PDB file of N, CA and C in Angstrom:
ATOM      1  N   UNK A   1      -7.058  -1.722  10.373  1.00  0.00           N
ATOM      2  CA  UNK A   1      -7.353  -2.406   9.126  1.00  0.00           C
ATOM      3  C   UNK A   1      -7.318  -3.913   9.373  1.00  0.00           C
ATOM      4  N   UNK A   2      -8.409  -4.430   9.785  1.00  0.00           N
ATOM      5  CA  UNK A   2      -8.477  -5.821  10.207  1.00  0.00           C
ATOM      6  C   UNK A   2      -8.270  -6.827   9.080  1.00  0.00           C
ATOM      7  N   UNK A   3      -8.559  -6.473   7.866  1.00  0.00           N
ATOM      8  CA  UNK A   3      -8.506  -7.439   6.760  1.00  0.00           C
ATOM      9  C   UNK A   3      -7.127  -7.583   6.121  1.00  0.00           C
ATOM     10  N   UNK A   4      -6.183  -6.716   6.455  1.00  0.00           N
ATOM     11  CA  UNK A   4      -4.912  -6.750   5.739  1.00  0.00           C
ATOM     12  C   UNK A   4      -4.124  -8.024   5.989  1.00  0.00           C
ATOM     13  N   UNK A   5      -4.089  -8.524   7.219  1.00  0.00           N
ATOM     14  CA  UNK A   5      -3.305  -9.716   7.533  1.00  0.00           C
ATOM     15  C   UNK A   5      -3.914 -10.982   6.942  1.00  0.00           C
ATOM     16  N   UNK A   6      -5.216 -10.985   6.763  1.00  0.00           N
ATOM     17  CA  UNK A   6      -5.926 -12.161   6.269  1.00  0.00           C
ATOM     18  C   UNK A   6      -5.389 -12.632   4.920  1.00  0.00           C
ATOM     19  N   UNK A   7      -4.815 -11.741   4.163  1.00  0.00           N
ATOM     20  CA  UNK A   7      -4.400 -12.068   2.798  1.00  0.00           C
ATOM     21  C   UNK A   7      -2.897 -12.301   2.645  1.00  0.00           C
ATOM     22  N   UNK A   8      -2.176 -12.395   3.754  1.00  0.00           N
ATOM     23  CA  UNK A   8      -0.744 -12.698   3.685  1.00  0.00           C
ATOM     24  C   UNK A   8      -0.529 -13.972   2.868  1.00  0.00           C
ATOM     25  N   UNK A   9       0.420 -13.909   1.959  1.00  0.00           N
ATOM     26  CA  UNK A   9       0.753 -15.069   1.151  1.00  0.00           C
ATOM     27  C   UNK A   9      -0.067 -15.233  -0.114  1.00  0.00           C
ATOM     28  N   UNK A  10      -1.132 -14.435  -0.272  1.00  0.00           N
ATOM     29  CA  UNK A  10      -1.917 -14.533  -1.504  1.00  0.00           C
ATOM     30  C   UNK A  10      -1.030 -14.151  -2.683  1.00  0.00           C
ATOM     31  N   UNK A  11      -1.307 -14.728  -3.819  1.00  0.00           N
ATOM     32  CA  UNK A  11      -0.467 -14.536  -5.004  1.00  0.00           C
ATOM     33  C   UNK A  11      -0.621 -13.150  -5.617  1.00  0.00           C
ATOM     34  N   UNK A  12       0.464 -12.720  -6.268  1.00  0.00           N
ATOM     35  CA  UNK A  12       0.465 -11.468  -7.025  1.00  0.00           C
ATOM     36  C   UNK A  12       0.036 -11.763  -8.457  1.00  0.00           C
ATOM     37  N   UNK A  13      -0.827 -10.910  -8.974  1.00  0.00           N
ATOM     38  CA  UNK A  13      -1.179 -10.963 -10.394  1.00  0.00           C
ATOM     39  C   UNK A  13      -1.478  -9.541 -10.831  1.00  0.00           C
ATOM     40  N   UNK A  14      -0.776  -9.072 -11.858  1.00  0.00           N
ATOM     41  CA  UNK A  14      -0.968  -7.709 -12.334  1.00  0.00           C
ATOM     42  C   UNK A  14      -2.428  -7.512 -12.723  1.00  0.00           C
ATOM     43  N   UNK A  15      -3.033  -6.438 -12.221  1.00  0.00           N
ATOM     44  CA  UNK A  15      -4.421  -6.116 -12.521  1.00  0.00           C
ATOM     45  C   UNK A  15      -5.439  -6.773 -11.609  1.00  0.00           C
ATOM     46  N   UNK A  16      -4.989  -7.660 -10.720  1.00  0.00           N
ATOM     47  CA  UNK A  16      -5.919  -8.390  -9.853  1.00  0.00           C
ATOM     48  C   UNK A  16      -6.363  -7.542  -8.663  1.00  0.00           C
ATOM     49  N   UNK A  17      -7.627  -7.682  -8.315  1.00  0.00           N
ATOM     50  CA  UNK A  17      -8.204  -6.900  -7.219  1.00  0.00           C
ATOM     51  C   UNK A  17      -8.763  -7.769  -6.100  1.00  0.00           C
ATOM     52  N   UNK A  18      -8.379  -9.039  -6.051  1.00  0.00           N
ATOM     53  CA  UNK A  18      -8.752  -9.918  -4.956  1.00  0.00           C
ATOM     54  C   UNK A  18     -10.008 -10.723  -5.239  1.00  0.00           C
ATOM     55  N   UNK A  19     -10.381 -11.586  -4.353  1.00  0.00           N
ATOM     56  CA  UNK A  19      -9.708 -11.876  -3.089  1.00  0.00           C
ATOM     57  C   UNK A  19      -8.668 -12.994  -3.154  1.00  0.00           C
ATOM     58  N   UNK A  20      -8.500 -13.650  -4.306  1.00  0.00           N
ATOM     59  CA  UNK A  20      -7.530 -14.751  -4.368  1.00  0.00           C
ATOM     60  C   UNK A  20      -6.151 -14.315  -4.830  1.00  0.00           C
ATOM     61  N   UNK A  21      -6.062 -13.190  -5.516  1.00  0.00           N
ATOM     62  CA  UNK A  21      -4.776 -12.622  -5.926  1.00  0.00           C
ATOM     63  C   UNK A  21      -4.937 -11.115  -6.060  1.00  0.00           C
ATOM     64  N   UNK A  22      -3.798 -10.419  -6.010  1.00  0.00           N
ATOM     65  CA  UNK A  22      -3.807  -8.958  -5.996  1.00  0.00           C
ATOM     66  C   UNK A  22      -2.612  -8.403  -6.748  1.00  0.00           C
ATOM     67  N   UNK A  23      -2.754  -7.175  -7.269  1.00  0.00           N
ATOM     68  CA  UNK A  23      -1.585  -6.358  -7.552  1.00  0.00           C
ATOM     69  C   UNK A  23      -1.521  -5.340  -6.417  1.00  0.00           C
ATOM     70  N   UNK A  24      -0.521  -4.474  -6.417  1.00  0.00           N
ATOM     71  CA  UNK A  24      -0.311  -3.615  -5.247  1.00  0.00           C
ATOM     72  C   UNK A  24      -1.505  -2.723  -4.938  1.00  0.00           C
ATOM     73  N   UNK A  25      -1.997  -2.013  -5.929  1.00  0.00           N
ATOM     74  CA  UNK A  25      -3.105  -1.089  -5.683  1.00  0.00           C
ATOM     75  C   UNK A  25      -4.440  -1.819  -5.594  1.00  0.00           C
ATOM     76  N   UNK A  26      -4.542  -2.973  -6.219  1.00  0.00           N
ATOM     77  CA  UNK A  26      -5.726  -3.804  -6.045  1.00  0.00           C
ATOM     78  C   UNK A  26      -5.836  -4.255  -4.604  1.00  0.00           C
ATOM     79  N   UNK A  27      -4.689  -4.570  -4.002  1.00  0.00           N
ATOM     80  CA  UNK A  27      -4.661  -4.976  -2.598  1.00  0.00           C
ATOM     81  C   UNK A  27      -5.060  -3.821  -1.683  1.00  0.00           C
ATOM     82  N   UNK A  28      -4.454  -2.646  -1.876  1.00  0.00           N
ATOM     83  CA  UNK A  28      -4.778  -1.522  -0.991  1.00  0.00           C
ATOM     84  C   UNK A  28      -6.247  -1.135  -1.123  1.00  0.00           C
ATOM     85  N   UNK A  29      -6.759  -1.073  -2.336  1.00  0.00           N
ATOM     86  CA  UNK A  29      -8.168  -0.693  -2.504  1.00  0.00           C
ATOM     87  C   UNK A  29      -9.096  -1.752  -1.910  1.00  0.00           C
ATOM     88  N   UNK A  30      -8.750  -3.019  -2.038  1.00  0.00           N
ATOM     89  CA  UNK A  30      -9.553  -4.105  -1.467  1.00  0.00           C
ATOM     90  C   UNK A  30      -9.586  -4.007   0.058  1.00  0.00           C
ATOM     91  N   UNK A  31      -8.419  -3.821   0.665  1.00  0.00           N
ATOM     92  CA  UNK A  31      -8.344  -3.759   2.127  1.00  0.00           C
ATOM     93  C   UNK A  31      -9.140  -2.577   2.672  1.00  0.00           C
ATOM     94  N   UNK A  32      -9.005  -1.412   2.057  1.00  0.00           N
ATOM     95  CA  UNK A  32      -9.753  -0.247   2.536  1.00  0.00           C
ATOM     96  C   UNK A  32     -11.258  -0.474   2.404  1.00  0.00           C
ATOM     97  N   UNK A  33     -11.687  -1.046   1.307  1.00  0.00           N
ATOM     98  CA  UNK A  33     -13.122  -1.281   1.096  1.00  0.00           C
ATOM     99  C   UNK A  33     -13.660  -2.305   2.086  1.00  0.00           C
ATOM    100  N   UNK A  34     -12.951  -3.408   2.260  1.00  0.00           N
ATOM    101  CA  UNK A  34     -13.437  -4.483   3.127  1.00  0.00           C
ATOM    102  C   UNK A  34     -13.274  -4.166   4.613  1.00  0.00           C
ATOM    103  N   UNK A  35     -12.246  -3.423   4.985  1.00  0.00           N
ATOM    104  CA  UNK A  35     -11.993  -3.134   6.399  1.00  0.00           C
ATOM    105  C   UNK A  35     -12.843  -1.992   6.929  1.00  0.00           C
ATOM    106  N   UNK A  36     -12.911  -0.906   6.165  1.00  0.00           N
ATOM    107  CA  UNK A  36     -13.593   0.289   6.686  1.00  0.00           C
ATOM    108  C   UNK A  36     -14.608   0.866   5.702  1.00  0.00           C
ATOM    109  N   UNK A  37     -14.943   0.098   4.684  1.00  0.00           N
ATOM    110  CA  UNK A  37     -15.920   0.521   3.674  1.00  0.00           C
ATOM    111  C   UNK A  37     -15.553   1.858   3.035  1.00  0.00           C
ATOM    112  N   UNK A  38     -14.262   2.037   2.789  1.00  0.00           N
ATOM    113  CA  UNK A  38     -13.757   3.261   2.158  1.00  0.00           C
ATOM    114  C   UNK A  38     -13.273   2.914   0.757  1.00  0.00           C
ATOM    115  N   UNK A  39     -13.905   3.495  -0.246  1.00  0.00           N
ATOM    116  CA  UNK A  39     -13.469   3.288  -1.628  1.00  0.00           C
ATOM    117  C   UNK A  39     -12.334   4.256  -1.935  1.00  0.00           C
ATOM    118  N   UNK A  40     -11.229   3.712  -2.425  1.00  0.00           N
ATOM    119  CA  UNK A  40     -10.114   4.551  -2.864  1.00  0.00           C
ATOM    120  C   UNK A  40      -9.848   4.224  -4.331  1.00  0.00           C
ATOM    121  N   UNK A  41      -9.199   5.126  -5.048  1.00  0.00           N
ATOM    122  CA  UNK A  41      -8.959   4.886  -6.481  1.00  0.00           C
ATOM    123  C   UNK A  41      -8.215   3.581  -6.746  1.00  0.00           C
ATOM    124  N   UNK A  42      -8.255   3.124  -7.968  1.00  0.00           N
ATOM    125  CA  UNK A  42      -7.744   1.804  -8.329  1.00  0.00           C
ATOM    126  C   UNK A  42      -6.228   1.717  -8.495  1.00  0.00           C
ATOM    127  N   UNK A  43      -5.571   2.696  -9.082  1.00  0.00           N
ATOM    128  CA  UNK A  43      -4.134   2.560  -9.348  1.00  0.00           C
ATOM    129  C   UNK A  43      -3.299   3.273  -8.289  1.00  0.00           C
ATOM    130  N   UNK A  44      -2.029   2.868  -8.184  1.00  0.00           N
ATOM    131  CA  UNK A  44      -1.125   3.505  -7.222  1.00  0.00           C
ATOM    132  C   UNK A  44      -1.020   5.006  -7.486  1.00  0.00           C
ATOM    133  N   UNK A  45      -0.901   5.389  -8.736  1.00  0.00           N
ATOM    134  CA  UNK A  45      -0.796   6.813  -9.072  1.00  0.00           C
ATOM    135  C   UNK A  45      -2.066   7.563  -8.686  1.00  0.00           C
ATOM    136  N   UNK A  46      -3.224   6.984  -8.956  1.00  0.00           N
ATOM    137  CA  UNK A  46      -4.484   7.619  -8.575  1.00  0.00           C
ATOM    138  C   UNK A  46      -4.619   7.716  -7.057  1.00  0.00           C
ATOM    139  N   UNK A  47      -4.173   6.684  -6.352  1.00  0.00           N
ATOM    140  CA  UNK A  47      -4.223   6.709  -4.889  1.00  0.00           C
ATOM    141  C   UNK A  47      -3.299   7.800  -4.350  1.00  0.00           C
ATOM    142  N   UNK A  48      -2.140   7.938  -4.960  1.00  0.00           N
ATOM    143  CA  UNK A  48      -1.210   8.996  -4.564  1.00  0.00           C
ATOM    144  C   UNK A  48      -1.854  10.364  -4.774  1.00  0.00           C
ATOM    145  N   UNK A  49      -2.431  10.571  -5.933  1.00  0.00           N
ATOM    146  CA  UNK A  49      -3.048  11.861  -6.246  1.00  0.00           C
ATOM    147  C   UNK A  49      -4.224  12.179  -5.336  1.00  0.00           C
ATOM    148  N   UNK A  50      -4.951  11.157  -4.881  1.00  0.00           N
ATOM    149  CA  UNK A  50      -6.138  11.365  -4.046  1.00  0.00           C
ATOM    150  C   UNK A  50      -5.822  11.486  -2.560  1.00  0.00           C
ATOM    151  N   UNK A  51      -4.611  11.124  -2.166  1.00  0.00           N
ATOM    152  CA  UNK A  51      -4.275  11.126  -0.738  1.00  0.00           C
ATOM    153  C   UNK A  51      -3.788  12.495  -0.275  1.00  0.00           C
ATOM    154  N   UNK A  52      -3.923  12.718   1.031  1.00  0.00           N
ATOM    155  CA  UNK A  52      -3.340  13.898   1.665  1.00  0.00           C
ATOM    156  C   UNK A  52      -1.891  13.561   1.973  1.00  0.00           C
ATOM    157  N   UNK A  53      -0.958  14.322   1.443  1.00  0.00           N
ATOM    158  CA  UNK A  53       0.462  14.028   1.631  1.00  0.00           C
ATOM    159  C   UNK A  53       0.873  14.329   3.074  1.00  0.00           C
ATOM    160  N   UNK A  54       1.657  13.415   3.632  1.00  0.00           N
ATOM    161  CA  UNK A  54       2.166  13.565   4.990  1.00  0.00           C
ATOM    162  C   UNK A  54       3.666  13.293   4.974  1.00  0.00           C
ATOM    163  N   UNK A  55       4.327  13.630   6.083  1.00  0.00           N
ATOM    164  CA  UNK A  55       5.765  13.385   6.221  1.00  0.00           C
ATOM    165  C   UNK A  55       5.991  12.043   6.911  1.00  0.00           C
ATOM    166  N   UNK A  56       7.188  11.521   6.772  1.00  0.00           N
ATOM    167  CA  UNK A  56       7.523  10.225   7.356  1.00  0.00           C
ATOM    168  C   UNK A  56       7.258  10.195   8.857  1.00  0.00           C
ATOM    169  N   UNK A  57       7.542  11.297   9.543  1.00  0.00           N
ATOM    170  CA  UNK A  57       7.347  11.309  10.998  1.00  0.00           C
ATOM    171  C   UNK A  57       5.880  11.429  11.403  1.00  0.00           C
ATOM    172  N   UNK A  58       4.988  11.543  10.426  1.00  0.00           N
ATOM    173  CA  UNK A  58       3.550  11.596  10.694  1.00  0.00           C
ATOM    174  C   UNK A  58       2.848  10.272  10.386  1.00  0.00           C
ATOM    175  N   UNK A  59       3.589   9.289   9.906  1.00  0.00           N
ATOM    176  CA  UNK A  59       2.989   8.011   9.516  1.00  0.00           C
ATOM    177  C   UNK A  59       2.275   7.330  10.672  1.00  0.00           C
ATOM    178  N   UNK A  60       1.087   6.820  10.359  1.00  0.00           N
ATOM    179  CA  UNK A  60       0.314   6.003  11.290  1.00  0.00           C
ATOM    180  C   UNK A  60      -0.127   4.755  10.544  1.00  0.00           C
ATOM    181  N   UNK A  61      -0.395   3.704  11.300  1.00  0.00           N
ATOM    182  CA  UNK A  61      -0.899   2.483  10.677  1.00  0.00           C
ATOM    183  C   UNK A  61      -2.133   2.826   9.852  1.00  0.00           C
ATOM    184  N   UNK A  62      -2.169   2.338   8.627  1.00  0.00           N
ATOM    185  CA  UNK A  62      -3.270   2.617   7.716  1.00  0.00           C
ATOM    186  C   UNK A  62      -2.936   3.651   6.658  1.00  0.00           C
ATOM    187  N   UNK A  63      -1.836   4.381   6.847  1.00  0.00           N
ATOM    188  CA  UNK A  63      -1.401   5.322   5.814  1.00  0.00           C
ATOM    189  C   UNK A  63      -0.802   4.548   4.644  1.00  0.00           C
ATOM    190  N   UNK A  64      -0.719   5.200   3.507  1.00  0.00           N
ATOM    191  CA  UNK A  64      -0.163   4.576   2.309  1.00  0.00           C
ATOM    192  C   UNK A  64       1.273   5.035   2.082  1.00  0.00           C
ATOM    193  N   UNK A  65       2.099   4.116   1.612  1.00  0.00           N
ATOM    194  CA  UNK A  65       3.490   4.398   1.274  1.00  0.00           C
ATOM    195  C   UNK A  65       3.622   4.186  -0.234  1.00  0.00           C
ATOM    196  N   UNK A  66       4.153   5.203  -0.920  1.00  0.00           N
ATOM    197  CA  UNK A  66       4.230   5.179  -2.383  1.00  0.00           C
ATOM    198  C   UNK A  66       5.676   5.090  -2.855  1.00  0.00           C
ATOM    199  N   UNK A  67       5.859   4.420  -4.000  1.00  0.00           N
ATOM    200  CA  UNK A  67       7.186   4.175  -4.542  1.00  0.00           C
ATOM    201  C   UNK A  67       7.249   4.574  -6.011  1.00  0.00           C
ATOM    202  N   UNK A  68       8.433   5.083  -6.387  1.00  0.00           N
ATOM    203  CA  UNK A  68       8.697   5.517  -7.756  1.00  0.00           C
ATOM    204  C   UNK A  68      10.002   4.870  -8.196  1.00  0.00           C
ATOM    205  N   UNK A  69       9.951   4.094  -9.266  1.00  0.00           N
ATOM    206  CA  UNK A  69      11.142   3.416  -9.783  1.00  0.00           C
ATOM    207  C   UNK A  69      11.779   4.169 -10.938  1.00  0.00           C
ATOM    208  N   UNK A  70      11.313   5.407 -11.176  1.00  0.00           N
ATOM    209  CA  UNK A  70      11.905   6.230 -12.216  1.00  0.00           C
ATOM    210  C   UNK A  70      10.928   6.745 -13.253  1.00  0.00           C
ATOM    211  N   UNK A  71       9.733   6.194 -13.266  1.00  0.00           N
ATOM    212  CA  UNK A  71       8.749   6.627 -14.266  1.00  0.00           C
ATOM    213  C   UNK A  71       7.435   7.065 -13.621  1.00  0.00           C
ATOM    214  N   UNK A  72       7.504   7.538 -12.402  1.00  0.00           N
ATOM    215  CA  UNK A  72       6.304   7.968 -11.688  1.00  0.00           C
ATOM    216  C   UNK A  72       5.881   6.944 -10.648  1.00  0.00           C
ATOM    217  N   UNK A  73       4.825   7.262  -9.937  1.00  0.00           N
ATOM    218  CA  UNK A  73       4.332   6.374  -8.880  1.00  0.00           C
ATOM    219  C   UNK A  73       3.957   5.025  -9.488  1.00  0.00           C
ATOM    220  N   UNK A  74       4.566   3.965  -8.956  1.00  0.00           N
ATOM    221  CA  UNK A  74       4.377   2.644  -9.552  1.00  0.00           C
ATOM    222  C   UNK A  74       4.067   1.548  -8.539  1.00  0.00           C
ATOM    223  N   UNK A  75       4.108   1.856  -7.243  1.00  0.00           N
ATOM    224  CA  UNK A  75       3.844   0.832  -6.228  1.00  0.00           C
ATOM    225  C   UNK A  75       3.299   1.510  -4.986  1.00  0.00           C
ATOM    226  N   UNK A  76       2.482   0.772  -4.235  1.00  0.00           N
ATOM    227  CA  UNK A  76       1.900   1.286  -3.000  1.00  0.00           C
ATOM    228  C   UNK A  76       1.763   0.147  -1.997  1.00  0.00           C
ATOM    229  N   UNK A  77       1.954   0.492  -0.726  1.00  0.00           N
ATOM    230  CA  UNK A  77       1.735  -0.449   0.366  1.00  0.00           C
ATOM    231  C   UNK A  77       1.027   0.256   1.504  1.00  0.00           C
ATOM    232  N   UNK A  78       0.561  -0.514   2.475  1.00  0.00           N
ATOM    233  CA  UNK A  78      -0.123   0.031   3.645  1.00  0.00           C
ATOM    234  C   UNK A  78       0.829  -0.019   4.831  1.00  0.00           C
ATOM    235  N   UNK A  79       1.074   1.139   5.434  1.00  0.00           N
ATOM    236  CA  UNK A  79       1.951   1.211   6.598  1.00  0.00           C
ATOM    237  C   UNK A  79       1.280   0.514   7.775  1.00  0.00           C
ATOM    238  N   UNK A  80       2.046  -0.313   8.501  1.00  0.00           N
ATOM    239  CA  UNK A  80       1.497  -1.039   9.648  1.00  0.00           C
ATOM    240  C   UNK A  80       2.162  -0.652  10.960  1.00  0.00           C
ATOM    241  N   UNK A  81       3.159   0.226  10.907  1.00  0.00           N
ATOM    242  CA  UNK A  81       3.869   0.645  12.112  1.00  0.00           C
ATOM    243  C   UNK A  81       5.254   0.032  12.180  1.00  0.00           C
ATOM    244  N   UNK A  82       6.079   0.585  13.055  1.00  0.00           N
ATOM    245  CA  UNK A  82       7.436   0.083  13.294  1.00  0.00           C
ATOM    246  C   UNK A  82       8.272  -0.020  12.025  1.00  0.00           C
ATOM    247  N   UNK A  83       8.071   0.909  11.092  1.00  0.00           N
ATOM    248  CA  UNK A  83       8.868   0.936   9.870  1.00  0.00           C
ATOM    249  C   UNK A  83       8.513  -0.128   8.855  1.00  0.00           C
ATOM    250  N   UNK A  84       7.328  -0.732   8.986  1.00  0.00           N
ATOM    251  CA  UNK A  84       6.945  -1.810   8.077  1.00  0.00           C
ATOM    252  C   UNK A  84       5.655  -1.492   7.339  1.00  0.00           C
ATOM    253  N   UNK A  85       5.523  -2.131   6.184  1.00  0.00           N
ATOM    254  CA  UNK A  85       4.293  -2.045   5.399  1.00  0.00           C
ATOM    255  C   UNK A  85       3.879  -3.456   5.008  1.00  0.00           C
ATOM    256  N   UNK A  86       2.623  -3.583   4.628  1.00  0.00           N
ATOM    257  CA  UNK A  86       2.136  -4.809   4.012  1.00  0.00           C
ATOM    258  C   UNK A  86       1.771  -4.430   2.584  1.00  0.00           C
ATOM    259  N   UNK A  87       2.158  -5.267   1.640  1.00  0.00           N
ATOM    260  CA  UNK A  87       1.963  -4.922   0.230  1.00  0.00           C
ATOM    261  C   UNK A  87       1.905  -6.174  -0.631  1.00  0.00           C
ATOM    262  N   UNK A  88       1.314  -6.011  -1.810  1.00  0.00           N
ATOM    263  CA  UNK A  88       1.294  -7.088  -2.799  1.00  0.00           C
ATOM    264  C   UNK A  88       2.397  -6.802  -3.808  1.00  0.00           C
ATOM    265  N   UNK A  89       3.296  -7.752  -3.940  1.00  0.00           N
ATOM    266  CA  UNK A  89       4.417  -7.618  -4.864  1.00  0.00           C
ATOM    267  C   UNK A  89       4.641  -8.954  -5.549  1.00  0.00           C
ATOM    268  N   UNK A  90       5.675  -9.063  -6.333  1.00  0.00           N
ATOM    269  CA  UNK A  90       5.917 -10.288  -7.109  1.00  0.00           C
ATOM    270  C   UNK A  90       5.899 -11.560  -6.271  1.00  0.00           C
ATOM    271  N   UNK A  91       6.312 -11.467  -5.007  1.00  0.00           N
ATOM    272  CA  UNK A  91       6.329 -12.631  -4.121  1.00  0.00           C
ATOM    273  C   UNK A  91       5.007 -12.834  -3.396  1.00  0.00           C
ATOM    274  N   UNK A  92       3.985 -12.059  -3.741  1.00  0.00           N
ATOM    275  CA  UNK A  92       2.689 -12.167  -3.082  1.00  0.00           C
ATOM    276  C   UNK A  92       2.522 -11.103  -2.009  1.00  0.00           C
ATOM    277  N   UNK A  93       1.478 -11.250  -1.209  1.00  0.00           N
ATOM    278  CA  UNK A  93       1.196 -10.290  -0.137  1.00  0.00           C
ATOM    279  C   UNK A  93       2.105 -10.604   1.040  1.00  0.00           C
ATOM    280  N   UNK A  94       2.880  -9.598   1.464  1.00  0.00           N
ATOM    281  CA  UNK A  94       3.832  -9.815   2.556  1.00  0.00           C
ATOM    282  C   UNK A  94       4.192  -8.508   3.234  1.00  0.00           C
ATOM    283  N   UNK A  95       4.837  -8.633   4.384  1.00  0.00           N
ATOM    284  CA  UNK A  95       5.369  -7.486   5.108  1.00  0.00           C
ATOM    285  C   UNK A  95       6.764  -7.161   4.584  1.00  0.00           C
ATOM    286  N   UNK A  96       7.086  -5.874   4.552  1.00  0.00           N
ATOM    287  CA  UNK A  96       8.428  -5.431   4.188  1.00  0.00           C
ATOM    288  C   UNK A  96       8.821  -4.246   5.052  1.00  0.00           C
ATOM    289  N   UNK A  97      10.121  -4.135   5.302  1.00  0.00           N
ATOM    290  CA  UNK A  97      10.676  -3.013   6.050  1.00  0.00           C
ATOM    291  C   UNK A  97      10.936  -1.871   5.076  1.00  0.00           C
ATOM    292  N   UNK A  98      10.301  -0.722   5.306  1.00  0.00           N
ATOM    293  CA  UNK A  98      10.472   0.411   4.387  1.00  0.00           C
ATOM    294  C   UNK A  98      11.643   1.303   4.767  1.00  0.00           C
ATOM    295  N   UNK A  99      12.252   1.037   5.905  1.00  0.00           N
ATOM    296  CA  UNK A  99      13.292   1.950   6.377  1.00  0.00           C
ATOM    297  C   UNK A  99      14.706   1.485   6.060  1.00  0.00           C
ATOM    298  N   UNK A 100      14.846   0.448   5.261  1.00  0.00           N
ATOM    299  CA  UNK A 100      16.189   0.028   4.854  1.00  0.00           C
ATOM    300  C   UNK A 100      16.142  -0.678   3.506  1.00  0.00           C
ATOM    301  N   UNK A 101      17.305  -0.776   2.891  1.00  0.00           N
ATOM    302  CA  UNK A 101      17.454  -1.548   1.669  1.00  0.00           C
ATOM    303  C   UNK A 101      16.658  -1.062   0.480  1.00  0.00           C
ATOM    304  N   UNK A 102      16.166  -2.020  -0.259  1.00  0.00           N
ATOM    305  CA  UNK A 102      15.489  -1.788  -1.532  1.00  0.00           C
ATOM    306  C   UNK A 102      14.361  -0.775  -1.419  1.00  0.00           C
ATOM    307  N   UNK A 103      13.462  -0.961  -0.493  1.00  0.00           N
ATOM    308  CA  UNK A 103      12.275  -0.112  -0.405  1.00  0.00           C
ATOM    309  C   UNK A 103      12.620   1.332  -0.073  1.00  0.00           C
ATOM    310  N   UNK A 104      13.530   1.539   0.840  1.00  0.00           N
ATOM    311  CA  UNK A 104      13.901   2.904   1.239  1.00  0.00           C
ATOM    312  C   UNK A 104      14.379   3.719   0.037  1.00  0.00           C
ATOM    313  N   UNK A 105      15.108   3.077  -0.845  1.00  0.00           N
ATOM    314  CA  UNK A 105      15.679   3.748  -2.013  1.00  0.00           C
ATOM    315  C   UNK A 105      14.616   4.326  -2.944  1.00  0.00           C
ATOM    316  N   UNK A 106      13.443   3.713  -2.993  1.00  0.00           N
ATOM    317  CA  UNK A 106      12.428   4.106  -3.971  1.00  0.00           C
ATOM    318  C   UNK A 106      11.209   4.823  -3.390  1.00  0.00           C
ATOM    319  N   UNK A 107      11.215   5.120  -2.100  1.00  0.00           N
ATOM    320  CA  UNK A 107      10.065   5.813  -1.503  1.00  0.00           C
ATOM    321  C   UNK A 107       9.870   7.164  -2.177  1.00  0.00           C
ATOM    322  N   UNK A 108       8.643   7.404  -2.621  1.00  0.00           N
ATOM    323  CA  UNK A 108       8.293   8.675  -3.270  1.00  0.00           C
ATOM    324  C   UNK A 108       7.493   9.572  -2.342  1.00  0.00           C
ATOM    325  N   UNK A 109       6.872   8.988  -1.338  1.00  0.00           N
ATOM    326  CA  UNK A 109       6.078   9.793  -0.418  1.00  0.00           C
ATOM    327  C   UNK A 109       5.081   8.952   0.346  1.00  0.00           C
ATOM    328  N   UNK A 110       4.311   9.662   1.163  1.00  0.00           N
ATOM    329  CA  UNK A 110       3.353   9.026   2.057  1.00  0.00           C
ATOM    330  C   UNK A 110       2.025   9.749   1.932  1.00  0.00           C
ATOM    331  N   UNK A 111       0.947   9.006   2.048  1.00  0.00           N
ATOM    332  CA  UNK A 111      -0.361   9.624   1.921  1.00  0.00           C
ATOM    333  C   UNK A 111      -1.356   9.070   2.918  1.00  0.00           C
ATOM    334  N   UNK A 112      -2.288   9.906   3.282  1.00  0.00           N
ATOM    335  CA  UNK A 112      -3.358   9.514   4.200  1.00  0.00           C
ATOM    336  C   UNK A 112      -4.681   9.654   3.468  1.00  0.00           C
ATOM    337  N   UNK A 113      -5.476   8.604   3.533  1.00  0.00           N
ATOM    338  CA  UNK A 113      -6.796   8.651   2.908  1.00  0.00           C
ATOM    339  C   UNK A 113      -7.916   8.545   3.937  1.00  0.00           C
ATOM    340  N   UNK A 114      -7.545   8.335   5.196  1.00  0.00           N
ATOM    341  CA  UNK A 114      -8.514   8.229   6.282  1.00  0.00           C
ATOM    342  C   UNK A 114      -8.089   9.167   7.396  1.00  0.00           C
ATOM    343  N   UNK A 115      -9.030   9.904   7.963  1.00  0.00           N
ATOM    344  CA  UNK A 115      -8.720  10.767   9.107  1.00  0.00           C
ATOM    345  C   UNK A 115      -8.718   9.925  10.365  1.00  0.00           C
ATOM    346  N   UNK A 116      -7.669  10.082  11.178  1.00  0.00           N
ATOM    347  CA  UNK A 116      -7.562   9.314  12.424  1.00  0.00           C
ATOM    348  C   UNK A 116      -8.038  10.153  13.585  1.00  0.00           C
TER     349      UNK A 116
END
């Protein structure tokens, strides 16, 4: 996914789909479309429903990581390897470690939308 790093630091805005600002699912859908010309659904919940569910030990760069804060799927990021994802959140587009702390607590599952 060549386009994901290009947007590091871009601002977060709820409902934004790029290229100057993003929300979480706007970012993932933008990156998939621009990197590999793959259209994926717009919201995190729709992306979760459309993905093939995989286990943590099956994660590959480009897979999606989904989060639930108590009311259903509410956040998504793109796995980049080594326990990290890139995602659009309140602090903008950035890398985060999914295997510890805040993110680990809310992981709801993993999905694949591209065959490797």
